[in-house]
Amino acid sequence: MIESILPMFLRNVFYFFKVSRVFTAMDSNQDSAVSLSEFQKFLPNLGLQLNAEEAAAAFRDVDRDSSGVISFGELALWLARTCNPDG
């Protein structure tokens, strides 16, 4: 049984650590939340070249609870939907 789920489990663990590294790098003031300005500054590192309006729209898409900041969970969901974490 464990042999059948082990590859999926390992992929998920690997993805979690990659997202964690992205979030930590994006959160430049280390307050455990990503602001719009932090998000905009980091987008090129994800291979995304967005103008200010597009970046603000993407930020609103990521910020699912409309709190004005992005949490780790929100970023993980957005990256899974939007970007290739293996890229």
N, C-alpha and C. Protein backbone atom coordinates (compact mmCIF):
# COMPACT_ATOMS: atom_id res chain seq x y z
N MET A 1 0.82 -1.21 0.00
CA MET A 1 0.00 0.00 0.00
C MET A 1 0.86 1.26 0.00
N ILE A 2 1.83 1.33 0.91
CA ILE A 2 2.65 2.53 1.02
C ILE A 2 3.43 2.80 -0.27
N GLU A 3 3.83 1.73 -0.95
CA GLU A 3 4.58 1.90 -2.20
C GLU A 3 3.76 2.63 -3.26
N SER A 4 2.46 2.48 -3.22
CA SER A 4 1.62 3.11 -4.23
C SER A 4 1.43 4.61 -3.97
N ILE A 5 1.50 5.05 -2.73
CA ILE A 5 1.30 6.48 -2.44
C ILE A 5 2.60 7.22 -2.20
N LEU A 6 3.69 6.51 -2.03
CA LEU A 6 4.97 7.15 -1.73
C LEU A 6 5.41 8.15 -2.80
N PRO A 7 5.35 7.84 -4.09
CA PRO A 7 5.77 8.85 -5.07
C PRO A 7 4.95 10.14 -4.99
N MET A 8 3.64 10.02 -4.83
CA MET A 8 2.80 11.22 -4.73
C MET A 8 3.14 12.00 -3.46
N PHE A 9 3.34 11.30 -2.36
CA PHE A 9 3.70 11.95 -1.11
C PHE A 9 5.01 12.71 -1.26
N LEU A 10 6.01 12.09 -1.85
CA LEU A 10 7.31 12.75 -2.03
C LEU A 10 7.21 13.96 -2.94
N ARG A 11 6.41 13.87 -4.01
CA ARG A 11 6.20 15.04 -4.88
C ARG A 11 5.59 16.19 -4.10
N ASN A 12 4.60 15.88 -3.26
CA ASN A 12 3.94 16.92 -2.47
C ASN A 12 4.87 17.54 -1.45
N VAL A 13 5.71 16.74 -0.81
CA VAL A 13 6.69 17.27 0.14
C VAL A 13 7.68 18.17 -0.59
N PHE A 14 8.16 17.72 -1.74
CA PHE A 14 9.09 18.52 -2.53
C PHE A 14 8.45 19.84 -2.94
N TYR A 15 7.20 19.80 -3.41
CA TYR A 15 6.48 21.01 -3.81
C TYR A 15 6.33 21.95 -2.62
N PHE A 16 5.95 21.43 -1.46
CA PHE A 16 5.79 22.24 -0.26
C PHE A 16 7.07 23.01 0.05
N PHE A 17 8.21 22.32 0.00
CA PHE A 17 9.47 22.99 0.30
C PHE A 17 9.84 24.03 -0.75
N LYS A 18 9.54 23.77 -2.00
CA LYS A 18 9.81 24.76 -3.05
C LYS A 18 8.94 26.00 -2.84
N VAL A 19 7.66 25.81 -2.55
CA VAL A 19 6.77 26.95 -2.30
C VAL A 19 7.22 27.71 -1.06
N SER A 20 7.64 26.98 -0.05
CA SER A 20 8.13 27.62 1.17
C SER A 20 9.33 28.52 0.88
N ARG A 21 10.22 28.06 0.03
CA ARG A 21 11.39 28.87 -0.33
C ARG A 21 10.98 30.11 -1.12
N VAL A 22 10.03 29.95 -2.03
CA VAL A 22 9.53 31.10 -2.80
C VAL A 22 8.88 32.11 -1.86
N PHE A 23 8.03 31.63 -0.95
CA PHE A 23 7.33 32.53 -0.04
C PHE A 23 8.33 33.29 0.83
N THR A 24 9.32 32.59 1.36
CA THR A 24 10.32 33.23 2.21
C THR A 24 11.10 34.29 1.43
N ALA A 25 11.45 33.99 0.20
CA ALA A 25 12.17 34.96 -0.63
C ALA A 25 11.28 36.15 -0.98
N MET A 26 10.02 35.90 -1.22
CA MET A 26 9.08 36.96 -1.60
C MET A 26 8.80 37.89 -0.42
N ASP A 27 8.74 37.34 0.78
CA ASP A 27 8.40 38.08 2.00
C ASP A 27 9.64 38.80 2.51
N SER A 28 10.03 39.88 1.85
CA SER A 28 11.31 40.53 2.13
C SER A 28 11.41 41.12 3.53
N ASN A 29 10.30 41.52 4.14
CA ASN A 29 10.37 42.07 5.49
C ASN A 29 10.10 41.00 6.56
N GLN A 30 9.93 39.77 6.15
CA GLN A 30 9.79 38.61 7.04
C GLN A 30 8.68 38.76 8.08
N ASP A 31 7.53 39.27 7.62
CA ASP A 31 6.38 39.39 8.52
C ASP A 31 5.36 38.28 8.32
N SER A 32 5.74 37.25 7.57
CA SER A 32 4.90 36.08 7.28
C SER A 32 3.67 36.42 6.44
N ALA A 33 3.77 37.49 5.69
CA ALA A 33 2.72 37.89 4.76
C ALA A 33 3.38 38.64 3.61
N VAL A 34 2.83 38.49 2.41
CA VAL A 34 3.40 39.15 1.23
C VAL A 34 2.49 40.31 0.84
N SER A 35 3.06 41.50 0.82
CA SER A 35 2.32 42.70 0.41
C SER A 35 2.32 42.81 -1.12
N LEU A 36 1.53 43.73 -1.62
CA LEU A 36 1.50 43.97 -3.07
C LEU A 36 2.87 44.36 -3.58
N SER A 37 3.57 45.24 -2.87
CA SER A 37 4.89 45.68 -3.36
C SER A 37 5.89 44.52 -3.36
N GLU A 38 5.86 43.67 -2.34
CA GLU A 38 6.75 42.50 -2.32
C GLU A 38 6.41 41.56 -3.48
N PHE A 39 5.13 41.37 -3.70
CA PHE A 39 4.66 40.51 -4.79
C PHE A 39 5.14 41.03 -6.14
N GLN A 40 4.95 42.33 -6.37
CA GLN A 40 5.35 42.94 -7.64
C GLN A 40 6.86 42.82 -7.87
N LYS A 41 7.64 43.03 -6.84
CA LYS A 41 9.10 42.96 -6.97
C LYS A 41 9.57 41.55 -7.29
N PHE A 42 8.84 40.54 -6.82
CA PHE A 42 9.30 39.16 -6.98
C PHE A 42 8.80 38.49 -8.25
N LEU A 43 7.77 39.01 -8.88
CA LEU A 43 7.19 38.37 -10.06
C LEU A 43 8.20 37.99 -11.14
N PRO A 44 9.17 38.84 -11.46
CA PRO A 44 10.16 38.44 -12.48
C PRO A 44 10.91 37.16 -12.12
N ASN A 45 11.09 36.88 -10.83
CA ASN A 45 11.75 35.65 -10.39
C ASN A 45 10.91 34.42 -10.70
N LEU A 46 9.63 34.62 -10.93
CA LEU A 46 8.73 33.52 -11.32
C LEU A 46 8.57 33.45 -12.83
N GLY A 47 9.30 34.32 -13.53
CA GLY A 47 9.20 34.35 -14.98
C GLY A 47 7.98 35.11 -15.48
N LEU A 48 7.41 35.93 -14.61
CA LEU A 48 6.21 36.69 -14.98
C LEU A 48 6.55 38.16 -15.15
N GLN A 49 6.34 38.67 -16.34
CA GLN A 49 6.59 40.07 -16.64
C GLN A 49 5.24 40.76 -16.76
N LEU A 50 4.77 41.35 -15.66
CA LEU A 50 3.46 41.99 -15.64
C LEU A 50 3.61 43.48 -15.37
N ASN A 51 2.78 44.28 -16.02
CA ASN A 51 2.78 45.70 -15.69
C ASN A 51 2.07 45.88 -14.34
N ALA A 52 2.05 47.12 -13.82
CA ALA A 52 1.51 47.36 -12.48
C ALA A 52 0.05 46.96 -12.38
N GLU A 53 -0.73 47.23 -13.40
CA GLU A 53 -2.16 46.87 -13.38
C GLU A 53 -2.35 45.35 -13.38
N GLU A 54 -1.59 44.66 -14.23
CA GLU A 54 -1.68 43.20 -14.29
C GLU A 54 -1.21 42.56 -12.98
N ALA A 55 -0.14 43.12 -12.39
CA ALA A 55 0.36 42.59 -11.12
C ALA A 55 -0.67 42.78 -10.01
N ALA A 56 -1.32 43.94 -9.99
CA ALA A 56 -2.36 44.19 -8.97
C ALA A 56 -3.53 43.22 -9.15
N ALA A 57 -3.90 42.94 -10.38
CA ALA A 57 -4.99 41.99 -10.64
C ALA A 57 -4.57 40.59 -10.20
N ALA A 58 -3.33 40.20 -10.50
CA ALA A 58 -2.84 38.89 -10.07
C ALA A 58 -2.81 38.81 -8.55
N PHE A 59 -2.37 39.89 -7.90
CA PHE A 59 -2.34 39.93 -6.44
C PHE A 59 -3.73 39.71 -5.86
N ARG A 60 -4.73 40.38 -6.42
CA ARG A 60 -6.11 40.19 -5.95
C ARG A 60 -6.57 38.75 -6.15
N ASP A 61 -6.12 38.13 -7.23
CA ASP A 61 -6.46 36.73 -7.49
C ASP A 61 -5.83 35.81 -6.44
N VAL A 62 -4.60 36.12 -6.05
CA VAL A 62 -3.90 35.30 -5.05
C VAL A 62 -4.51 35.52 -3.66
N ASP A 63 -4.81 36.76 -3.34
CA ASP A 63 -5.33 37.14 -2.02
C ASP A 63 -6.80 36.76 -1.91
N ARG A 64 -7.05 35.49 -1.77
CA ARG A 64 -8.42 34.95 -1.83
C ARG A 64 -9.31 35.45 -0.70
N ASP A 65 -8.74 35.79 0.45
CA ASP A 65 -9.57 36.27 1.55
C ASP A 65 -9.67 37.80 1.60
N SER A 66 -9.09 38.46 0.60
CA SER A 66 -9.12 39.93 0.47
C SER A 66 -8.59 40.64 1.71
N SER A 67 -7.58 40.08 2.32
CA SER A 67 -7.00 40.68 3.53
C SER A 67 -6.01 41.78 3.21
N GLY A 68 -5.60 41.88 1.96
CA GLY A 68 -4.62 42.88 1.57
C GLY A 68 -3.19 42.37 1.60
N VAL A 69 -3.01 41.12 2.05
CA VAL A 69 -1.71 40.46 2.03
C VAL A 69 -1.92 39.01 1.60
N ILE A 70 -0.84 38.40 1.15
CA ILE A 70 -0.90 37.01 0.70
C ILE A 70 -0.30 36.12 1.78
N SER A 71 -1.02 35.08 2.15
CA SER A 71 -0.52 34.10 3.11
C SER A 71 0.20 32.99 2.35
N PHE A 72 0.92 32.15 3.09
CA PHE A 72 1.60 31.02 2.48
C PHE A 72 0.60 30.12 1.74
N GLY A 73 -0.51 29.82 2.37
CA GLY A 73 -1.52 28.95 1.76
C GLY A 73 -2.08 29.52 0.48
N GLU A 74 -2.34 30.83 0.48
CA GLU A 74 -2.85 31.47 -0.73
C GLU A 74 -1.83 31.39 -1.85
N LEU A 75 -0.56 31.62 -1.52
CA LEU A 75 0.48 31.55 -2.55
C LEU A 75 0.62 30.14 -3.09
N ALA A 76 0.58 29.15 -2.21
CA ALA A 76 0.71 27.75 -2.64
C ALA A 76 -0.41 27.38 -3.61
N LEU A 77 -1.63 27.78 -3.30
CA LEU A 77 -2.76 27.48 -4.19
C LEU A 77 -2.60 28.18 -5.53
N TRP A 78 -2.19 29.44 -5.51
CA TRP A 78 -2.04 30.20 -6.75
C TRP A 78 -0.93 29.63 -7.62
N LEU A 79 0.21 29.30 -7.00
CA LEU A 79 1.31 28.72 -7.78
C LEU A 79 0.89 27.39 -8.39
N ALA A 80 0.15 26.59 -7.66
CA ALA A 80 -0.31 25.32 -8.20
C ALA A 80 -1.22 25.52 -9.40
N ARG A 81 -2.03 26.58 -9.37
CA ARG A 81 -2.94 26.87 -10.48
C ARG A 81 -2.25 27.58 -11.65
N THR A 82 -1.25 28.42 -11.35
CA THR A 82 -0.73 29.36 -12.32
C THR A 82 0.65 29.02 -12.88
N CYS A 83 1.53 28.57 -12.03
CA CYS A 83 2.94 28.39 -12.43
C CYS A 83 3.35 26.94 -12.31
N ASN A 84 4.36 26.60 -13.04
CA ASN A 84 4.93 25.26 -12.95
C ASN A 84 5.97 25.27 -11.82
N PRO A 85 5.70 24.60 -10.69
CA PRO A 85 6.67 24.64 -9.58
C PRO A 85 7.98 23.95 -9.88
N ASP A 86 8.02 23.18 -10.96
CA ASP A 86 9.26 22.49 -11.32
C ASP A 86 10.09 23.29 -12.31
N GLY A 87 9.60 24.47 -12.70
CA GLY A 87 10.25 25.27 -13.72
C GLY A 87 11.56 25.86 -13.34
